[in-house]
Each structure stands twice: as structure tokens, then as C-alpha cells.
Amino acid sequence: MGEAAAPAGEPELRAAIAAHLRRSRGIAAEAEHICLFNGSMQAITLLTQLLLGEGEPAVLENPCYYGISRAVAACGGVSVPAALDGDGIVPRDWDARLLFVTPGRQFPTGVVLSHARRRELLAWAARRNAVIVEDDYDSEFRWGGRPLEPLKALDREERVVYVGSFSKTMFAALRVGYAVLPRTLVRPVASAKALYEPVPPARLEQRALARFMRTGGYERHLRRMRRHYGAKQEAFRRCMEQELGELFRLRPADAGLLLYAEWLRSPEEYQAFRQAAAGRGVLFRDAAIYRITPGPPAACFAFSHLDELTLIEGVFRMKAAWGDI
């Protein structure tokens, strides 16, 4: 018979992730505080089930990834929308004990949370005896500027759960996510994980990924992908600003695989434009799906899956679509 599988995942991959986070993100992670999941969304859902009681509030950025608001709703919790500005989430003395935040690159707007506000959030968590779930979903891809320390790197009272994933840095079918847990959550999360998945999936993939990281292949891969995606992002942004600057204002972003663009004309024209663009074969995500409460029209443009020529052709098709209406 083979060796028993650890509910928290393969020890060698957990050790490799801890070493990578210490080196690249300044997080003093230990392998025994890391739990592996079948994607980051599984981590978020399980954490929500453990930390949120029925009818209890959870603070969410507005807009935010809709998977988080669905997890809160599925657990019977109440989503409390938190406003954003140019420095990220606006801290308040929320009457809550759970906060979800994307400080490295706010999803979907791309805003980076200021250092001062990171400190404010940690102070709030200490006052309220709260837990902050920090989703660091794609800040590995950075095009410029010095990355700020993650909340987890500033956390001295073990209030922060740091969630990451390999879905963006490797490929989506590799369903490996992870969480760096405070000591008090290690045993409850491992117990819940063992209940949901008595036999952890993708053990072979976990071991292969651990070797890839341990031998330096993962960091070399990240450097190549940063150059590759960075060039596409720059070409797309430049073309959008030149050709569609009268329609969209692109939010500044020095990281990530998504550009957030505020619509500059009326809501009615936005809906007409979306239909006209679809008629010319261009699809983009309406940012409204990420909002907890209604807000001004905006679009999310993913660019990593297309080459530069296709991206530029898409911009000119959108320009022609605007001419159609």
C-alpha cells in the first residue's frame, strides 16, 4: 500500500511554496502553515464556511470577484460592500469579523492598496478580533513599479490568511491553490479539508510542480511570462488609448492580466456599444457582474490569451462598432 496522503497536500510542494513566498513576497511562511486546495476558489469557500456564521457580515470590496460574494451567500452570510478609491479599499470600523481584500492588485479595477491603508486594515482586524483573507490572485505578473509588501508580510498578530494559485502563472487546468494560515486555523482547515477530500487530488501534479519550483524552473518561467505578457499589455493599452480614448479611460495598472476601463459616455450608449462590438466578433466582460451595488459602466479586457495582432485587430473592430451606432 502507498503512503497516506496528507489532507493539507504534498509536503514537498508546501515547502517549495513557502520558500518561494519568502524569497519573492517577503512572507515568513512555513510549510506546516500552508494548505493546498483544488484551486483558490475552494480555499475561499472553505474558509468562508469555517469563519462565517449564518446571518453574520463579511466585508467585500465593491466591485470584487463574484465567487467571493457567492461563497458568502452560500454560507448564509451578509455581504457588506466597501467603497474603493485610487488607494484601494476605504477602511471603516466595520462591525464584522471577516474581510476579503485584494491589496496587491484589486480585482477587477487594478488599484494597489496603499501602505497606510494596509496598516489601517491590520489595526481594524486587531480591534475587532477579525480575520482578513488576502487574495493575491495574479500579482506575480508585474510590469513596472516596486510591489508593496503583502498584508501577510506585515501581519504580526496572525490575522491574515494569504491565498494564492497557480492557475494564472501555469495553466488553468492545473487546479492547485494554496493558503498560508495563521497557527490557530491550521488544524481546523486541515480537518475540514480531510472531510471534503479524504483523498487529495492531483498528487502527481503537486509533486511535479514541487520539483519544477525547487530546481528554479518556476522562477525562470515567471520571468519569461512577465516579458511576454508585459509586451502584449503595453501594445493593447497603447492602441486602446489612441483609438478608443474618447470611449474608455483605462485604469493605471502595473500588474495583472486584466485591464479595467471606465466608460466615458452614457449607460445607454454603453449597452448599444457592447451589442455592436459583439456583432463584429469582439467580446469583453461587463464589469457590472463584479459589483455588489450598482455603479457606473465599465469593461474588463483580458489580453493574455490573444497575440498582439489579434488584440490590435479587436481594438479596430470596436472602433468600427462605435461607428455603426
C-alpha atoms as a PDB file:
ATOM      1  CA  MET A   1       0.000   0.000   0.000  1.00  0.00           C
ATOM      2  CA  GLY A   2       1.161   3.567  -0.722  1.00  0.00           C
ATOM      3  CA  GLU A   3       1.827   6.210   1.846  1.00  0.00           C
ATOM      4  CA  ALA A   4      -1.141   8.052   3.312  1.00  0.00           C
ATOM      5  CA  ALA A   5      -1.853  11.412   1.718  1.00  0.00           C
ATOM      6  CA  ALA A   6      -1.727  14.494   3.929  1.00  0.00           C
ATOM      7  CA  PRO A   7      -5.045  16.419   3.886  1.00  0.00           C
ATOM      8  CA  ALA A   8      -3.087  19.673   3.550  1.00  0.00           C
ATOM      9  CA  GLY A   9      -1.318  18.446   0.400  1.00  0.00           C
ATOM     10  CA  GLU A  10       2.108  17.165  -0.611  1.00  0.00           C
ATOM     11  CA  PRO A  11       4.743  18.277   1.918  1.00  0.00           C
ATOM     12  CA  GLU A  12       7.381  18.934  -0.746  1.00  0.00           C
ATOM     13  CA  LEU A  13       5.112  21.360  -2.637  1.00  0.00           C
ATOM     14  CA  ARG A  14       4.149  23.148   0.554  1.00  0.00           C
ATOM     15  CA  ALA A  15       7.853  23.550   1.347  1.00  0.00           C
ATOM     16  CA  ALA A  16       8.564  24.838  -2.170  1.00  0.00           C
ATOM     17  CA  ILE A  17       5.726  27.378  -1.930  1.00  0.00           C
ATOM     18  CA  ALA A  18       6.980  28.566   1.467  1.00  0.00           C
ATOM     19  CA  ALA A  19      10.484  29.096   0.050  1.00  0.00           C
ATOM     20  CA  HIS A  20       9.096  30.959  -2.981  1.00  0.00           C
ATOM     21  CA  LEU A  21       6.943  33.266  -0.834  1.00  0.00           C
ATOM     22  CA  ARG A  22       9.825  34.053   1.493  1.00  0.00           C
ATOM     23  CA  ARG A  23      12.037  34.923  -1.455  1.00  0.00           C
ATOM     24  CA  SER A  24       9.598  36.741  -3.742  1.00  0.00           C
ATOM     25  CA  ARG A  25       6.932  38.217  -1.441  1.00  0.00           C
ATOM     26  CA  GLY A  26       8.653  38.698   1.896  1.00  0.00           C
ATOM     27  CA  ILE A  27       6.215  36.375   3.674  1.00  0.00           C
ATOM     28  CA  ALA A  28       7.744  34.395   6.531  1.00  0.00           C
ATOM     29  CA  ALA A  29       5.815  31.278   5.543  1.00  0.00           C
ATOM     30  CA  GLU A  30       6.412  27.819   6.981  1.00  0.00           C
ATOM     31  CA  ALA A  31       5.404  24.656   5.146  1.00  0.00           C
ATOM     32  CA  GLU A  32       3.311  23.413   8.064  1.00  0.00           C
ATOM     33  CA  HIS A  33       1.141  26.564   7.874  1.00  0.00           C
ATOM     34  CA  ILE A  34       0.292  26.026   4.186  1.00  0.00           C
ATOM     35  CA  CYS A  35      -2.708  24.055   2.960  1.00  0.00           C
ATOM     36  CA  LEU A  36      -3.182  23.106  -0.699  1.00  0.00           C
ATOM     37  CA  PHE A  37      -6.557  23.232  -2.429  1.00  0.00           C
ATOM     38  CA  ASN A  38      -8.219  22.321  -5.684  1.00  0.00           C
ATOM     39  CA  GLY A  39      -7.895  25.944  -6.852  1.00  0.00           C
ATOM     40  CA  SER A  40      -8.057  29.174  -4.852  1.00  0.00           C
ATOM     41  CA  MET A  41     -11.863  29.272  -5.009  1.00  0.00           C
ATOM     42  CA  GLN A  42     -12.057  26.070  -2.993  1.00  0.00           C
ATOM     43  CA  ALA A  43      -9.829  27.715  -0.395  1.00  0.00           C
ATOM     44  CA  ILE A  44     -12.040  30.808  -0.254  1.00  0.00           C
ATOM     45  CA  THR A  45     -15.240  28.774   0.037  1.00  0.00           C
ATOM     46  CA  LEU A  46     -13.921  26.503   2.772  1.00  0.00           C
ATOM     47  CA  LEU A  47     -12.525  29.440   4.739  1.00  0.00           C
ATOM     48  CA  THR A  48     -15.877  31.230   4.461  1.00  0.00           C
ATOM     49  CA  GLN A  49     -17.681  28.168   5.797  1.00  0.00           C
ATOM     50  CA  LEU A  50     -15.321  27.955   8.753  1.00  0.00           C
ATOM     51  CA  LEU A  51     -15.198  31.661   9.614  1.00  0.00           C
ATOM     52  CA  LEU A  52     -18.692  32.961   8.835  1.00  0.00           C
ATOM     53  CA  GLY A  53     -21.839  32.057  10.703  1.00  0.00           C
ATOM     54  CA  GLU A  54     -25.333  32.327   9.258  1.00  0.00           C
ATOM     55  CA  GLY A  55     -26.507  35.936   9.202  1.00  0.00           C
ATOM     56  CA  GLU A  56     -23.051  37.300  10.028  1.00  0.00           C
ATOM     57  CA  PRO A  57     -21.494  40.089   7.965  1.00  0.00           C
ATOM     58  CA  ALA A  58     -18.447  39.779   5.727  1.00  0.00           C
ATOM     59  CA  VAL A  59     -16.796  42.872   4.232  1.00  0.00           C
ATOM     60  CA  LEU A  60     -16.148  42.728   0.481  1.00  0.00           C
ATOM     61  CA  GLU A  61     -14.611  45.221  -1.906  1.00  0.00           C
ATOM     62  CA  ASN A  62     -17.130  46.731  -4.319  1.00  0.00           C
ATOM     63  CA  PRO A  63     -16.566  45.640  -7.050  1.00  0.00           C
ATOM     64  CA  CYS A  64     -14.964  42.284  -6.295  1.00  0.00           C
ATOM     65  CA  TYR A  65     -14.669  38.776  -7.725  1.00  0.00           C
ATOM     66  CA  TYR A  66     -18.194  37.363  -7.822  1.00  0.00           C
ATOM     67  CA  GLY A  67     -17.031  33.994  -6.481  1.00  0.00           C
ATOM     68  CA  ILE A  68     -16.408  35.601  -3.101  1.00  0.00           C
ATOM     69  CA  SER A  69     -19.885  37.132  -2.839  1.00  0.00           C
ATOM     70  CA  ARG A  70     -21.397  33.797  -3.904  1.00  0.00           C
ATOM     71  CA  ALA A  71     -19.416  31.977  -1.213  1.00  0.00           C
ATOM     72  CA  VAL A  72     -20.678  34.417   1.421  1.00  0.00           C
ATOM     73  CA  ALA A  73     -24.276  33.992   0.224  1.00  0.00           C
ATOM     74  CA  ALA A  74     -23.968  30.188   0.126  1.00  0.00           C
ATOM     75  CA  CYS A  75     -22.849  30.199   3.764  1.00  0.00           C
ATOM     76  CA  GLY A  76     -25.820  32.343   4.789  1.00  0.00           C
ATOM     77  CA  GLY A  77     -23.654  35.387   5.408  1.00  0.00           C
ATOM     78  CA  VAL A  78     -24.361  39.011   4.552  1.00  0.00           C
ATOM     79  CA  SER A  79     -22.069  40.864   2.141  1.00  0.00           C
ATOM     80  CA  VAL A  80     -21.083  44.358   3.320  1.00  0.00           C
ATOM     81  CA  PRO A  81     -19.836  46.366   0.318  1.00  0.00           C
ATOM     82  CA  ALA A  82     -16.762  48.524   0.943  1.00  0.00           C
ATOM     83  CA  ALA A  83     -16.012  51.533  -1.249  1.00  0.00           C
ATOM     84  CA  LEU A  84     -12.849  51.879  -3.339  1.00  0.00           C
ATOM     85  CA  ASP A  85     -10.850  54.891  -4.455  1.00  0.00           C
ATOM     86  CA  GLY A  86      -7.439  55.449  -6.011  1.00  0.00           C
ATOM     87  CA  ASP A  87      -5.698  53.983  -2.946  1.00  0.00           C
ATOM     88  CA  GLY A  88      -7.829  50.836  -2.788  1.00  0.00           C
ATOM     89  CA  ILE A  89     -10.428  49.835  -0.236  1.00  0.00           C
ATOM     90  CA  VAL A  90     -11.520  52.677   2.062  1.00  0.00           C
ATOM     91  CA  PRO A  91     -11.133  51.471   5.674  1.00  0.00           C
ATOM     92  CA  ARG A  92     -14.058  51.812   8.074  1.00  0.00           C
ATOM     93  CA  ASP A  93     -14.690  50.474  11.548  1.00  0.00           C
ATOM     94  CA  TRP A  94     -16.886  47.714  10.167  1.00  0.00           C
ATOM     95  CA  ASP A  95     -18.906  45.695  12.662  1.00  0.00           C
ATOM     96  CA  ALA A  96     -17.655  42.429  11.206  1.00  0.00           C
ATOM     97  CA  ARG A  97     -15.062  39.732  11.828  1.00  0.00           C
ATOM     98  CA  LEU A  98     -14.242  38.745   8.256  1.00  0.00           C
ATOM     99  CA  LEU A  99     -12.812  40.823   5.396  1.00  0.00           C
ATOM    100  CA  PHE A 100     -11.871  39.769   1.862  1.00  0.00           C
ATOM    101  CA  VAL A 101      -9.380  42.021   0.104  1.00  0.00           C
ATOM    102  CA  THR A 102      -7.092  42.025  -2.964  1.00  0.00           C
ATOM    103  CA  PRO A 103      -4.385  44.522  -1.941  1.00  0.00           C
ATOM    104  CA  GLY A 104      -1.669  43.591  -4.461  1.00  0.00           C
ATOM    105  CA  ARG A 105      -3.931  44.344  -7.413  1.00  0.00           C
ATOM    106  CA  GLN A 106      -7.579  44.986  -6.645  1.00  0.00           C
ATOM    107  CA  PHE A 107      -9.890  42.790  -8.666  1.00  0.00           C
ATOM    108  CA  PRO A 108     -11.106  43.938 -11.111  1.00  0.00           C
ATOM    109  CA  THR A 109     -10.002  47.608 -11.041  1.00  0.00           C
ATOM    110  CA  GLY A 110      -6.246  47.020 -10.691  1.00  0.00           C
ATOM    111  CA  VAL A 111      -5.828  49.582  -7.870  1.00  0.00           C
ATOM    112  CA  VAL A 112      -2.958  48.874  -5.470  1.00  0.00           C
ATOM    113  CA  LEU A 113      -3.787  49.274  -1.778  1.00  0.00           C
ATOM    114  CA  SER A 114      -1.593  51.940  -0.184  1.00  0.00           C
ATOM    115  CA  HIS A 115       0.806  51.037   2.612  1.00  0.00           C
ATOM    116  CA  ALA A 116      -1.016  53.296   5.069  1.00  0.00           C
ATOM    117  CA  ARG A 117      -4.324  51.555   4.402  1.00  0.00           C
ATOM    118  CA  ARG A 118      -2.736  48.140   4.802  1.00  0.00           C
ATOM    119  CA  ARG A 119      -1.756  49.235   8.293  1.00  0.00           C
ATOM    120  CA  GLU A 120      -5.283  50.517   8.935  1.00  0.00           C
ATOM    121  CA  LEU A 121      -6.818  47.184   7.935  1.00  0.00           C
ATOM    122  CA  LEU A 122      -4.497  45.279  10.258  1.00  0.00           C
ATOM    123  CA  ALA A 123      -5.355  47.652  13.106  1.00  0.00           C
ATOM    124  CA  TRP A 124      -9.073  47.131  12.416  1.00  0.00           C
ATOM    125  CA  ALA A 125      -8.631  43.348  12.475  1.00  0.00           C
ATOM    126  CA  ALA A 126      -6.850  43.579  15.829  1.00  0.00           C
ATOM    127  CA  ARG A 127      -9.625  45.742  17.327  1.00  0.00           C
ATOM    128  CA  ARG A 128     -12.407  43.526  16.042  1.00  0.00           C
ATOM    129  CA  ASN A 129     -10.642  40.183  16.551  1.00  0.00           C
ATOM    130  CA  ALA A 130     -11.235  39.667  12.818  1.00  0.00           C
ATOM    131  CA  VAL A 131      -9.676  37.605  10.050  1.00  0.00           C
ATOM    132  CA  ILE A 132      -8.561  39.125   6.744  1.00  0.00           C
ATOM    133  CA  VAL A 133      -8.468  36.866   3.688  1.00  0.00           C
ATOM    134  CA  GLU A 134      -5.888  38.307   1.282  1.00  0.00           C
ATOM    135  CA  ASP A 135      -6.412  37.028  -2.273  1.00  0.00           C
ATOM    136  CA  ASP A 136      -3.166  37.553  -4.224  1.00  0.00           C
ATOM    137  CA  TYR A 137      -4.552  36.194  -7.476  1.00  0.00           C
ATOM    138  CA  ASP A 138      -2.197  37.487 -10.216  1.00  0.00           C
ATOM    139  CA  SER A 139       0.327  39.949  -8.813  1.00  0.00           C
ATOM    140  CA  GLU A 140       3.178  37.638  -9.899  1.00  0.00           C
ATOM    141  CA  PHE A 141       2.847  39.338 -13.301  1.00  0.00           C
ATOM    142  CA  ARG A 142       4.201  42.830 -12.669  1.00  0.00           C
ATOM    143  CA  TRP A 143       5.187  45.207 -15.468  1.00  0.00           C
ATOM    144  CA  GLY A 144       6.597  48.122 -13.517  1.00  0.00           C
ATOM    145  CA  GLY A 145       6.972  49.669 -10.116  1.00  0.00           C
ATOM    146  CA  ARG A 146       8.093  48.074  -6.885  1.00  0.00           C
ATOM    147  CA  PRO A 147       5.473  45.751  -5.394  1.00  0.00           C
ATOM    148  CA  LEU A 148       4.277  46.661  -1.921  1.00  0.00           C
ATOM    149  CA  GLU A 149       4.550  44.069   0.796  1.00  0.00           C
ATOM    150  CA  PRO A 150       1.528  41.776   1.041  1.00  0.00           C
ATOM    151  CA  LEU A 151      -0.672  42.206   4.087  1.00  0.00           C
ATOM    152  CA  LYS A 152       0.583  38.820   5.244  1.00  0.00           C
ATOM    153  CA  ALA A 153       4.158  40.128   5.335  1.00  0.00           C
ATOM    154  CA  LEU A 154       3.040  42.970   7.652  1.00  0.00           C
ATOM    155  CA  ASP A 155       0.870  40.745   9.836  1.00  0.00           C
ATOM    156  CA  ARG A 156       2.330  40.442  13.338  1.00  0.00           C
ATOM    157  CA  GLU A 157      -0.804  39.173  15.106  1.00  0.00           C
ATOM    158  CA  GLU A 158      -1.660  36.361  12.681  1.00  0.00           C
ATOM    159  CA  ARG A 159      -4.879  37.939  11.450  1.00  0.00           C
ATOM    160  CA  VAL A 160      -4.280  37.340   7.716  1.00  0.00           C
ATOM    161  CA  VAL A 161      -4.895  34.304   5.537  1.00  0.00           C
ATOM    162  CA  TYR A 162      -2.892  34.615   2.312  1.00  0.00           C
ATOM    163  CA  VAL A 163      -4.479  32.841  -0.679  1.00  0.00           C
ATOM    164  CA  GLY A 164      -2.633  32.155  -3.934  1.00  0.00           C
ATOM    165  CA  SER A 165      -2.976  29.996  -7.027  1.00  0.00           C
ATOM    166  CA  PHE A 166      -1.035  28.549  -9.943  1.00  0.00           C
ATOM    167  CA  SER A 167      -3.967  28.836 -12.368  1.00  0.00           C
ATOM    168  CA  LYS A 168      -2.661  32.096 -13.859  1.00  0.00           C
ATOM    169  CA  THR A 169       1.078  31.531 -13.574  1.00  0.00           C
ATOM    170  CA  MET A 170       0.971  27.990 -15.019  1.00  0.00           C
ATOM    171  CA  PHE A 171      -2.326  26.992 -16.670  1.00  0.00           C
ATOM    172  CA  ALA A 172      -5.974  26.972 -15.653  1.00  0.00           C
ATOM    173  CA  ALA A 173      -6.345  23.176 -15.775  1.00  0.00           C
ATOM    174  CA  LEU A 174      -3.720  22.851 -13.029  1.00  0.00           C
ATOM    175  CA  ARG A 175      -6.155  23.152 -10.149  1.00  0.00           C
ATOM    176  CA  VAL A 176      -3.657  23.932  -7.399  1.00  0.00           C
ATOM    177  CA  GLY A 177      -4.331  26.757  -4.998  1.00  0.00           C
ATOM    178  CA  TYR A 178      -2.975  27.319  -1.522  1.00  0.00           C
ATOM    179  CA  ALA A 179      -3.477  29.264   1.683  1.00  0.00           C
ATOM    180  CA  VAL A 180      -0.912  30.444   4.221  1.00  0.00           C
ATOM    181  CA  LEU A 181      -2.760  30.125   7.504  1.00  0.00           C
ATOM    182  CA  PRO A 182      -2.435  31.610  10.985  1.00  0.00           C
ATOM    183  CA  ARG A 183      -1.473  28.950  13.509  1.00  0.00           C
ATOM    184  CA  THR A 184      -4.970  28.901  15.021  1.00  0.00           C
ATOM    185  CA  LEU A 185      -6.508  27.924  11.683  1.00  0.00           C
ATOM    186  CA  VAL A 186      -4.075  25.179  10.624  1.00  0.00           C
ATOM    187  CA  ARG A 187      -5.842  22.327  12.414  1.00  0.00           C
ATOM    188  CA  PRO A 188      -9.464  23.398  11.637  1.00  0.00           C
ATOM    189  CA  VAL A 189      -8.677  23.879   7.940  1.00  0.00           C
ATOM    190  CA  ALA A 190      -6.839  20.559   7.687  1.00  0.00           C
ATOM    191  CA  SER A 191      -9.742  18.783   9.413  1.00  0.00           C
ATOM    192  CA  ALA A 192     -12.289  20.361   7.074  1.00  0.00           C
ATOM    193  CA  LYS A 193     -10.114  19.538   4.071  1.00  0.00           C
ATOM    194  CA  ALA A 194      -9.888  15.899   5.174  1.00  0.00           C
ATOM    195  CA  LEU A 195     -13.682  15.771   5.461  1.00  0.00           C
ATOM    196  CA  TYR A 196     -14.263  17.197   1.962  1.00  0.00           C
ATOM    197  CA  GLU A 197     -11.396  15.344   0.265  1.00  0.00           C
ATOM    198  CA  PRO A 198     -10.296  12.195   2.122  1.00  0.00           C
ATOM    199  CA  VAL A 199      -8.007  11.506  -0.841  1.00  0.00           C
ATOM    200  CA  PRO A 200      -6.417  14.781  -2.029  1.00  0.00           C
ATOM    201  CA  PRO A 201      -6.429  15.174  -5.823  1.00  0.00           C
ATOM    202  CA  ALA A 202      -3.545  15.816  -8.237  1.00  0.00           C
ATOM    203  CA  ARG A 203      -0.789  14.301  -6.063  1.00  0.00           C
ATOM    204  CA  LEU A 204       1.364  13.581  -9.108  1.00  0.00           C
ATOM    205  CA  GLU A 205       0.895  17.133 -10.388  1.00  0.00           C
ATOM    206  CA  GLN A 206       1.725  18.515  -6.946  1.00  0.00           C
ATOM    207  CA  ARG A 207       4.994  16.578  -6.849  1.00  0.00           C
ATOM    208  CA  ALA A 208       5.919  17.617 -10.388  1.00  0.00           C
ATOM    209  CA  LEU A 209       5.213  21.263  -9.561  1.00  0.00           C
ATOM    210  CA  ALA A 210       7.299  20.989  -6.397  1.00  0.00           C
ATOM    211  CA  ARG A 211      10.270  19.744  -8.408  1.00  0.00           C
ATOM    212  CA  PHE A 212       9.761  22.488 -11.011  1.00  0.00           C
ATOM    213  CA  MET A 213       9.873  25.098  -8.245  1.00  0.00           C
ATOM    214  CA  ARG A 214      12.734  23.510  -6.343  1.00  0.00           C
ATOM    215  CA  THR A 215      15.009  23.390  -9.412  1.00  0.00           C
ATOM    216  CA  GLY A 216      14.384  27.044 -10.362  1.00  0.00           C
ATOM    217  CA  GLY A 217      12.209  26.305 -13.388  1.00  0.00           C
ATOM    218  CA  TYR A 218       9.193  28.132 -11.985  1.00  0.00           C
ATOM    219  CA  GLU A 219      11.021  31.434 -11.446  1.00  0.00           C
ATOM    220  CA  ARG A 220      12.584  31.255 -14.930  1.00  0.00           C
ATOM    221  CA  HIS A 221       9.106  30.600 -16.338  1.00  0.00           C
ATOM    222  CA  LEU A 222       7.721  33.631 -14.480  1.00  0.00           C
ATOM    223  CA  ARG A 223      10.449  35.893 -15.866  1.00  0.00           C
ATOM    224  CA  ARG A 224       9.675  34.776 -19.440  1.00  0.00           C
ATOM    225  CA  MET A 225       5.934  35.188 -18.972  1.00  0.00           C
ATOM    226  CA  ARG A 226       6.343  38.668 -17.460  1.00  0.00           C
ATOM    227  CA  ARG A 227       8.173  39.816 -20.579  1.00  0.00           C
ATOM    228  CA  HIS A 228       5.661  38.089 -22.872  1.00  0.00           C
ATOM    229  CA  TYR A 229       2.510  39.383 -21.182  1.00  0.00           C
ATOM    230  CA  GLY A 230       4.041  42.782 -20.471  1.00  0.00           C
ATOM    231  CA  ALA A 231       4.640  43.396 -24.176  1.00  0.00           C
ATOM    232  CA  LYS A 232       1.054  42.430 -25.020  1.00  0.00           C
ATOM    233  CA  GLN A 233      -0.364  44.592 -22.255  1.00  0.00           C
ATOM    234  CA  GLU A 234       1.614  47.616 -23.439  1.00  0.00           C
ATOM    235  CA  ALA A 235       0.612  47.163 -27.101  1.00  0.00           C
ATOM    236  CA  PHE A 236      -3.063  46.744 -26.201  1.00  0.00           C
ATOM    237  CA  ARG A 237      -3.116  49.696 -23.805  1.00  0.00           C
ATOM    238  CA  ARG A 238      -1.384  51.997 -26.289  1.00  0.00           C
ATOM    239  CA  CYS A 239      -3.782  51.063 -29.097  1.00  0.00           C
ATOM    240  CA  MET A 240      -6.846  51.445 -26.853  1.00  0.00           C
ATOM    241  CA  GLU A 241      -5.780  54.918 -25.726  1.00  0.00           C
ATOM    242  CA  GLN A 242      -5.062  56.026 -29.295  1.00  0.00           C
ATOM    243  CA  GLU A 243      -8.164  54.625 -30.968  1.00  0.00           C
ATOM    244  CA  LEU A 244     -10.826  54.472 -28.238  1.00  0.00           C
ATOM    245  CA  GLY A 245      -9.704  57.178 -25.813  1.00  0.00           C
ATOM    246  CA  GLU A 246     -12.977  59.048 -26.322  1.00  0.00           C
ATOM    247  CA  LEU A 247     -14.942  55.999 -25.105  1.00  0.00           C
ATOM    248  CA  PHE A 248     -12.828  54.424 -22.366  1.00  0.00           C
ATOM    249  CA  ARG A 249     -10.466  55.570 -19.625  1.00  0.00           C
ATOM    250  CA  LEU A 250      -8.111  52.719 -18.768  1.00  0.00           C
ATOM    251  CA  ARG A 251      -7.206  52.460 -15.107  1.00  0.00           C
ATOM    252  CA  PRO A 252      -3.451  52.516 -14.454  1.00  0.00           C
ATOM    253  CA  ALA A 253      -2.129  49.010 -13.813  1.00  0.00           C
ATOM    254  CA  ASP A 254       1.430  47.858 -13.316  1.00  0.00           C
ATOM    255  CA  ALA A 255       0.497  44.205 -12.853  1.00  0.00           C
ATOM    256  CA  GLY A 256      -2.078  41.595 -13.797  1.00  0.00           C
ATOM    257  CA  LEU A 257      -3.679  40.046 -16.855  1.00  0.00           C
ATOM    258  CA  LEU A 258      -6.778  42.246 -16.986  1.00  0.00           C
ATOM    259  CA  LEU A 259      -7.339  45.904 -17.861  1.00  0.00           C
ATOM    260  CA  TYR A 260     -10.240  47.784 -16.272  1.00  0.00           C
ATOM    261  CA  ALA A 261     -11.720  50.520 -18.446  1.00  0.00           C
ATOM    262  CA  GLU A 262     -14.266  53.123 -17.305  1.00  0.00           C
ATOM    263  CA  TRP A 263     -16.882  54.026 -19.922  1.00  0.00           C
ATOM    264  CA  LEU A 264     -16.926  57.769 -20.620  1.00  0.00           C
ATOM    265  CA  ARG A 265     -20.328  58.139 -22.240  1.00  0.00           C
ATOM    266  CA  SER A 266     -23.900  57.308 -21.241  1.00  0.00           C
ATOM    267  CA  PRO A 267     -25.086  53.935 -19.904  1.00  0.00           C
ATOM    268  CA  GLU A 268     -27.439  53.619 -22.885  1.00  0.00           C
ATOM    269  CA  GLU A 269     -24.566  54.107 -25.313  1.00  0.00           C
ATOM    270  CA  TYR A 270     -22.523  51.534 -23.412  1.00  0.00           C
ATOM    271  CA  GLN A 271     -25.168  48.859 -23.884  1.00  0.00           C
ATOM    272  CA  ALA A 272     -25.508  49.733 -27.568  1.00  0.00           C
ATOM    273  CA  PHE A 273     -21.720  49.590 -27.955  1.00  0.00           C
ATOM    274  CA  ARG A 274     -21.489  46.160 -26.324  1.00  0.00           C
ATOM    275  CA  GLN A 275     -24.076  44.783 -28.738  1.00  0.00           C
ATOM    276  CA  ALA A 276     -22.390  46.381 -31.752  1.00  0.00           C
ATOM    277  CA  ALA A 277     -18.985  45.051 -30.686  1.00  0.00           C
ATOM    278  CA  ALA A 278     -20.398  41.557 -30.267  1.00  0.00           C
ATOM    279  CA  GLY A 279     -21.838  41.857 -33.763  1.00  0.00           C
ATOM    280  CA  ARG A 280     -18.295  42.417 -35.013  1.00  0.00           C
ATOM    281  CA  GLY A 281     -16.961  39.437 -33.076  1.00  0.00           C
ATOM    282  CA  VAL A 282     -15.481  41.247 -30.069  1.00  0.00           C
ATOM    283  CA  LEU A 283     -16.499  40.083 -26.610  1.00  0.00           C
ATOM    284  CA  PHE A 284     -15.420  41.684 -23.346  1.00  0.00           C
ATOM    285  CA  ARG A 285     -16.637  41.340 -19.783  1.00  0.00           C
ATOM    286  CA  ASP A 286     -19.107  43.822 -18.383  1.00  0.00           C
ATOM    287  CA  ALA A 287     -17.693  44.946 -15.016  1.00  0.00           C
ATOM    288  CA  ALA A 288     -21.251  45.109 -13.633  1.00  0.00           C
ATOM    289  CA  ILE A 289     -21.064  41.378 -12.843  1.00  0.00           C
ATOM    290  CA  TYR A 290     -18.486  42.166 -10.154  1.00  0.00           C
ATOM    291  CA  ARG A 291     -20.481  44.869  -8.392  1.00  0.00           C
ATOM    292  CA  ILE A 292     -22.403  44.241  -5.182  1.00  0.00           C
ATOM    293  CA  THR A 293     -24.305  47.502  -5.682  1.00  0.00           C
ATOM    294  CA  PRO A 294     -24.921  49.315  -9.000  1.00  0.00           C
ATOM    295  CA  GLY A 295     -22.235  51.615 -10.347  1.00  0.00           C
ATOM    296  CA  PRO A 296     -21.080  53.419 -13.496  1.00  0.00           C
ATOM    297  CA  PRO A 297     -20.482  51.359 -16.664  1.00  0.00           C
ATOM    298  CA  ALA A 298     -17.053  49.786 -17.086  1.00  0.00           C
ATOM    299  CA  ALA A 299     -15.453  46.967 -19.036  1.00  0.00           C
ATOM    300  CA  CYS A 300     -12.810  44.347 -18.262  1.00  0.00           C
ATOM    301  CA  PHE A 301     -10.437  43.395 -21.065  1.00  0.00           C
ATOM    302  CA  ALA A 302      -8.432  40.169 -20.747  1.00  0.00           C
ATOM    303  CA  PHE A 303      -5.425  40.088 -23.041  1.00  0.00           C
ATOM    304  CA  SER A 304      -3.203  37.157 -22.056  1.00  0.00           C
ATOM    305  CA  HIS A 305      -4.894  34.595 -24.361  1.00  0.00           C
ATOM    306  CA  LEU A 306      -4.520  36.659 -27.568  1.00  0.00           C
ATOM    307  CA  ASP A 307      -1.469  37.671 -29.601  1.00  0.00           C
ATOM    308  CA  GLU A 308      -0.637  41.328 -30.254  1.00  0.00           C
ATOM    309  CA  LEU A 309      -2.020  41.389 -33.806  1.00  0.00           C
ATOM    310  CA  THR A 310      -5.340  39.934 -32.664  1.00  0.00           C
ATOM    311  CA  LEU A 311      -5.536  42.418 -29.786  1.00  0.00           C
ATOM    312  CA  ILE A 312      -4.978  45.346 -32.124  1.00  0.00           C
ATOM    313  CA  GLU A 313      -7.490  43.981 -34.622  1.00  0.00           C
ATOM    314  CA  GLY A 314     -10.003  43.761 -31.770  1.00  0.00           C
ATOM    315  CA  VAL A 315      -9.489  47.436 -30.952  1.00  0.00           C
ATOM    316  CA  PHE A 316     -10.140  48.454 -34.547  1.00  0.00           C
ATOM    317  CA  ARG A 317     -13.217  46.248 -34.672  1.00  0.00           C
ATOM    318  CA  MET A 318     -14.521  48.035 -31.570  1.00  0.00           C
ATOM    319  CA  LYS A 319     -13.784  51.371 -33.220  1.00  0.00           C
ATOM    320  CA  ALA A 320     -15.797  50.245 -36.246  1.00  0.00           C
ATOM    321  CA  ALA A 321     -18.595  49.087 -33.925  1.00  0.00           C
ATOM    322  CA  TRP A 322     -18.783  52.575 -32.427  1.00  0.00           C
ATOM    323  CA  GLY A 323     -19.097  53.908 -35.950  1.00  0.00           C
ATOM    324  CA  ASP A 324     -22.019  51.510 -36.517  1.00  0.00           C
ATOM    325  CA  ILE A 325     -24.081  53.218 -33.815  1.00  0.00           C
END
